Amino acid sequence: MSRQRCYAAVAAVQGEEWKKTTLKTALLFPGVVFAIFFMLNLLVWGQRSSGAVPFGTLFALCFLWFGISVPLVFIGSYFGYKKPAPEVRTAHVVLQCPLSGECCSARSVGNAASHLALGCKPSGVSLTSGSDEKLA
């Protein structure tokens, strides 16, 4: 049953929809990153800082993005969608789903504090690693 749904989803994308999906893949994430970078760079330009990225470099980044990255995404997706879908065999093992209340038990909430503390460790290490160099 799930294999039929998978093939139906792939077949639905095989038409004109693959072009829209590829265009979103090629433009959406890099576009958001470039827009944020450009806006931050505008703020740096506004302060007349020498650390601002020059306009020529931004133009070169846009050329690399639209001239190299986007065509490569389209070429890869063309050959990827041209290939037939692979035959996938799955084992029919029934797994028991946990009860809905188990994910919110006191044991998992207690682990949330330790996860938060462990998540702060890498940034704390990176902030304190420069202090050793000053002592030497």
C-alpha atoms as a PDB file:
ATOM      1  CA  MET A   1       0.000   0.000   0.000  1.00  0.00           C
ATOM      2  CA  SER A   2       2.722   2.508   0.927  1.00  0.00           C
ATOM      3  CA  ARG A   3       4.709   1.582  -2.212  1.00  0.00           C
ATOM      4  CA  GLN A   4       1.710   2.544  -4.349  1.00  0.00           C
ATOM      5  CA  ARG A   5       1.483   5.909  -2.619  1.00  0.00           C
ATOM      6  CA  CYS A   6       5.186   6.502  -3.158  1.00  0.00           C
ATOM      7  CA  TYR A   7       4.944   5.735  -6.884  1.00  0.00           C
ATOM      8  CA  ALA A   8       1.823   7.898  -7.164  1.00  0.00           C
ATOM      9  CA  ALA A   9       3.685  10.800  -5.583  1.00  0.00           C
ATOM     10  CA  VAL A  10       6.638  10.339  -7.940  1.00  0.00           C
ATOM     11  CA  ALA A  11       4.310  10.068 -10.940  1.00  0.00           C
ATOM     12  CA  ALA A  12       2.536  13.273  -9.935  1.00  0.00           C
ATOM     13  CA  VAL A  13       5.845  15.116  -9.867  1.00  0.00           C
ATOM     14  CA  GLN A  14       7.030  13.695 -13.199  1.00  0.00           C
ATOM     15  CA  GLY A  15       5.025  16.205 -15.261  1.00  0.00           C
ATOM     16  CA  GLU A  16       5.508  19.968 -15.208  1.00  0.00           C
ATOM     17  CA  GLU A  17       5.680  19.976 -11.413  1.00  0.00           C
ATOM     18  CA  TRP A  18       9.341  18.890 -11.374  1.00  0.00           C
ATOM     19  CA  LYS A  19      10.343  22.196 -12.946  1.00  0.00           C
ATOM     20  CA  LYS A  20       8.650  24.175 -10.174  1.00  0.00           C
ATOM     21  CA  THR A  21      10.233  21.975  -7.518  1.00  0.00           C
ATOM     22  CA  THR A  22      13.667  22.369  -9.093  1.00  0.00           C
ATOM     23  CA  LEU A  23      13.262  26.136  -9.372  1.00  0.00           C
ATOM     24  CA  LYS A  24      12.304  26.369  -5.701  1.00  0.00           C
ATOM     25  CA  THR A  25      15.282  24.205  -4.768  1.00  0.00           C
ATOM     26  CA  ALA A  26      17.692  26.315  -6.796  1.00  0.00           C
ATOM     27  CA  LEU A  27      16.393  29.720  -5.697  1.00  0.00           C
ATOM     28  CA  LEU A  28      14.625  29.572  -2.338  1.00  0.00           C
ATOM     29  CA  PHE A  29      17.333  28.663   0.188  1.00  0.00           C
ATOM     30  CA  PRO A  30      20.227  30.455  -1.532  1.00  0.00           C
ATOM     31  CA  GLY A  31      17.940  33.441  -2.137  1.00  0.00           C
ATOM     32  CA  VAL A  32      17.018  33.747   1.528  1.00  0.00           C
ATOM     33  CA  VAL A  33      20.667  33.429   2.580  1.00  0.00           C
ATOM     34  CA  PHE A  34      21.785  35.986   0.001  1.00  0.00           C
ATOM     35  CA  ALA A  35      18.997  38.413   0.995  1.00  0.00           C
ATOM     36  CA  ILE A  36      19.975  38.227   4.664  1.00  0.00           C
ATOM     37  CA  PHE A  37      23.658  38.661   3.770  1.00  0.00           C
ATOM     38  CA  PHE A  38      22.850  41.625   1.506  1.00  0.00           C
ATOM     39  CA  MET A  39      20.709  43.325   4.159  1.00  0.00           C
ATOM     40  CA  LEU A  40      23.447  42.911   6.768  1.00  0.00           C
ATOM     41  CA  ASN A  41      25.975  44.195   4.270  1.00  0.00           C
ATOM     42  CA  LEU A  42      23.781  47.264   3.678  1.00  0.00           C
ATOM     43  CA  LEU A  43      23.918  47.985   7.394  1.00  0.00           C
ATOM     44  CA  VAL A  44      27.704  47.692   7.308  1.00  0.00           C
ATOM     45  CA  TRP A  45      27.835  49.972   4.241  1.00  0.00           C
ATOM     46  CA  GLY A  46      25.650  52.468   6.107  1.00  0.00           C
ATOM     47  CA  GLN A  47      28.249  52.646   8.862  1.00  0.00           C
ATOM     48  CA  ARG A  48      30.940  53.259   6.192  1.00  0.00           C
ATOM     49  CA  SER A  49      32.932  50.296   7.449  1.00  0.00           C
ATOM     50  CA  SER A  50      35.897  48.888   5.585  1.00  0.00           C
ATOM     51  CA  GLY A  51      34.578  45.398   6.416  1.00  0.00           C
ATOM     52  CA  ALA A  52      31.703  45.727   3.946  1.00  0.00           C
ATOM     53  CA  VAL A  53      31.740  43.351   0.997  1.00  0.00           C
ATOM     54  CA  PRO A  54      32.403  45.291  -2.239  1.00  0.00           C
ATOM     55  CA  PHE A  55      29.723  45.491  -4.916  1.00  0.00           C
ATOM     56  CA  GLY A  56      31.928  43.631  -7.404  1.00  0.00           C
ATOM     57  CA  THR A  57      32.192  40.666  -5.049  1.00  0.00           C
ATOM     58  CA  LEU A  58      28.414  40.593  -4.582  1.00  0.00           C
ATOM     59  CA  PHE A  59      28.023  40.681  -8.359  1.00  0.00           C
ATOM     60  CA  ALA A  60      30.486  37.780  -8.670  1.00  0.00           C
ATOM     61  CA  LEU A  61      28.475  35.799  -6.096  1.00  0.00           C
ATOM     62  CA  CYS A  62      25.280  36.407  -8.081  1.00  0.00           C
ATOM     63  CA  PHE A  63      27.048  35.321 -11.266  1.00  0.00           C
ATOM     64  CA  LEU A  64      28.254  32.115  -9.591  1.00  0.00           C
ATOM     65  CA  TRP A  65      24.775  31.456  -8.263  1.00  0.00           C
ATOM     66  CA  PHE A  66      22.791  32.106 -11.452  1.00  0.00           C
ATOM     67  CA  GLY A  67      25.506  31.137 -13.924  1.00  0.00           C
ATOM     68  CA  ILE A  68      26.777  27.943 -12.334  1.00  0.00           C
ATOM     69  CA  SER A  69      24.679  26.720  -9.411  1.00  0.00           C
ATOM     70  CA  VAL A  70      21.177  27.103 -10.884  1.00  0.00           C
ATOM     71  CA  PRO A  71      22.031  25.396 -14.219  1.00  0.00           C
ATOM     72  CA  LEU A  72      23.734  22.531 -12.362  1.00  0.00           C
ATOM     73  CA  VAL A  73      20.630  22.052 -10.195  1.00  0.00           C
ATOM     74  CA  PHE A  74      18.476  21.888 -13.324  1.00  0.00           C
ATOM     75  CA  ILE A  75      20.839  19.454 -15.069  1.00  0.00           C
ATOM     76  CA  GLY A  76      20.939  17.212 -12.001  1.00  0.00           C
ATOM     77  CA  SER A  77      17.180  17.235 -11.554  1.00  0.00           C
ATOM     78  CA  TYR A  78      16.639  16.505 -15.258  1.00  0.00           C
ATOM     79  CA  PHE A  79      18.808  13.402 -15.094  1.00  0.00           C
ATOM     80  CA  GLY A  80      17.390  12.458 -11.690  1.00  0.00           C
ATOM     81  CA  TYR A  81      13.771  12.591 -12.851  1.00  0.00           C
ATOM     82  CA  LYS A  82      14.692  10.851 -16.106  1.00  0.00           C
ATOM     83  CA  LYS A  83      15.860   7.761 -14.198  1.00  0.00           C
ATOM     84  CA  PRO A  84      13.158   5.260 -13.289  1.00  0.00           C
ATOM     85  CA  ALA A  85      12.165   5.001  -9.653  1.00  0.00           C
ATOM     86  CA  PRO A  86      14.067   2.252  -7.847  1.00  0.00           C
ATOM     87  CA  GLU A  87      12.268  -0.875  -6.679  1.00  0.00           C
ATOM     88  CA  VAL A  88      12.219  -0.818  -2.899  1.00  0.00           C
ATOM     89  CA  ARG A  89      11.384  -3.874  -0.830  1.00  0.00           C
ATOM     90  CA  THR A  90      10.295  -3.228   2.722  1.00  0.00           C
ATOM     91  CA  ALA A  91       9.894  -5.617   5.615  1.00  0.00           C
ATOM     92  CA  HIS A  92       6.432  -5.792   7.051  1.00  0.00           C
ATOM     93  CA  VAL A  93       7.358  -5.452  10.722  1.00  0.00           C
ATOM     94  CA  VAL A  94       4.688  -4.011  12.956  1.00  0.00           C
ATOM     95  CA  LEU A  95       6.146  -1.456  15.387  1.00  0.00           C
ATOM     96  CA  GLN A  96       4.213  -0.296  18.381  1.00  0.00           C
ATOM     97  CA  CYS A  97       3.733   3.467  18.590  1.00  0.00           C
ATOM     98  CA  PRO A  98       4.241   5.037  22.030  1.00  0.00           C
ATOM     99  CA  LEU A  99       1.252   6.394  23.869  1.00  0.00           C
ATOM    100  CA  SER A 100       0.661  10.097  23.397  1.00  0.00           C
ATOM    101  CA  GLY A 101       1.274  10.884  27.068  1.00  0.00           C
ATOM    102  CA  GLU A 102       4.715   9.243  27.178  1.00  0.00           C
ATOM    103  CA  CYS A 103       6.449  12.024  25.258  1.00  0.00           C
ATOM    104  CA  CYS A 104       5.404  14.546  27.912  1.00  0.00           C
ATOM    105  CA  SER A 105       6.315  12.490  30.965  1.00  0.00           C
ATOM    106  CA  ALA A 106       8.405  13.885  33.809  1.00  0.00           C
ATOM    107  CA  ARG A 107      11.378  11.821  32.670  1.00  0.00           C
ATOM    108  CA  SER A 108      11.545  13.480  29.230  1.00  0.00           C
ATOM    109  CA  VAL A 109      10.943  16.964  30.681  1.00  0.00           C
ATOM    110  CA  GLY A 110      13.858  16.405  33.067  1.00  0.00           C
ATOM    111  CA  ASN A 111      15.994  15.584  30.057  1.00  0.00           C
ATOM    112  CA  ALA A 112      15.071  18.901  28.424  1.00  0.00           C
ATOM    113  CA  ALA A 113      17.200  20.807  30.945  1.00  0.00           C
ATOM    114  CA  SER A 114      20.187  18.575  30.274  1.00  0.00           C
ATOM    115  CA  HIS A 115      19.701  18.984  26.526  1.00  0.00           C
ATOM    116  CA  LEU A 116      19.659  22.758  26.948  1.00  0.00           C
ATOM    117  CA  ALA A 117      22.807  22.679  29.078  1.00  0.00           C
ATOM    118  CA  LEU A 118      24.624  20.426  26.618  1.00  0.00           C
ATOM    119  CA  GLY A 119      23.545  22.640  23.726  1.00  0.00           C
ATOM    120  CA  CYS A 120      25.254  25.626  25.356  1.00  0.00           C
ATOM    121  CA  LYS A 121      28.545  23.779  25.762  1.00  0.00           C
ATOM    122  CA  PRO A 122      29.949  24.240  22.199  1.00  0.00           C
ATOM    123  CA  SER A 123      29.413  27.990  22.242  1.00  0.00           C
ATOM    124  CA  GLY A 124      30.917  28.240  25.719  1.00  0.00           C
ATOM    125  CA  VAL A 125      33.992  26.346  24.580  1.00  0.00           C
ATOM    126  CA  SER A 126      34.410  28.566  21.529  1.00  0.00           C
ATOM    127  CA  LEU A 127      34.077  31.722  23.623  1.00  0.00           C
ATOM    128  CA  THR A 128      36.629  30.626  26.221  1.00  0.00           C
ATOM    129  CA  SER A 129      39.167  29.043  23.871  1.00  0.00           C
ATOM    130  CA  GLY A 130      40.658  32.435  22.915  1.00  0.00           C
ATOM    131  CA  SER A 131      41.459  33.346  26.531  1.00  0.00           C
ATOM    132  CA  ASP A 132      44.263  30.723  26.720  1.00  0.00           C
ATOM    133  CA  GLU A 133      46.193  32.437  23.948  1.00  0.00           C
ATOM    134  CA  LYS A 134      46.372  35.698  25.903  1.00  0.00           C
ATOM    135  CA  LEU A 135      48.089  34.002  28.838  1.00  0.00           C
ATOM    136  CA  ALA A 136      50.904  32.555  26.730  1.00  0.00           C
END
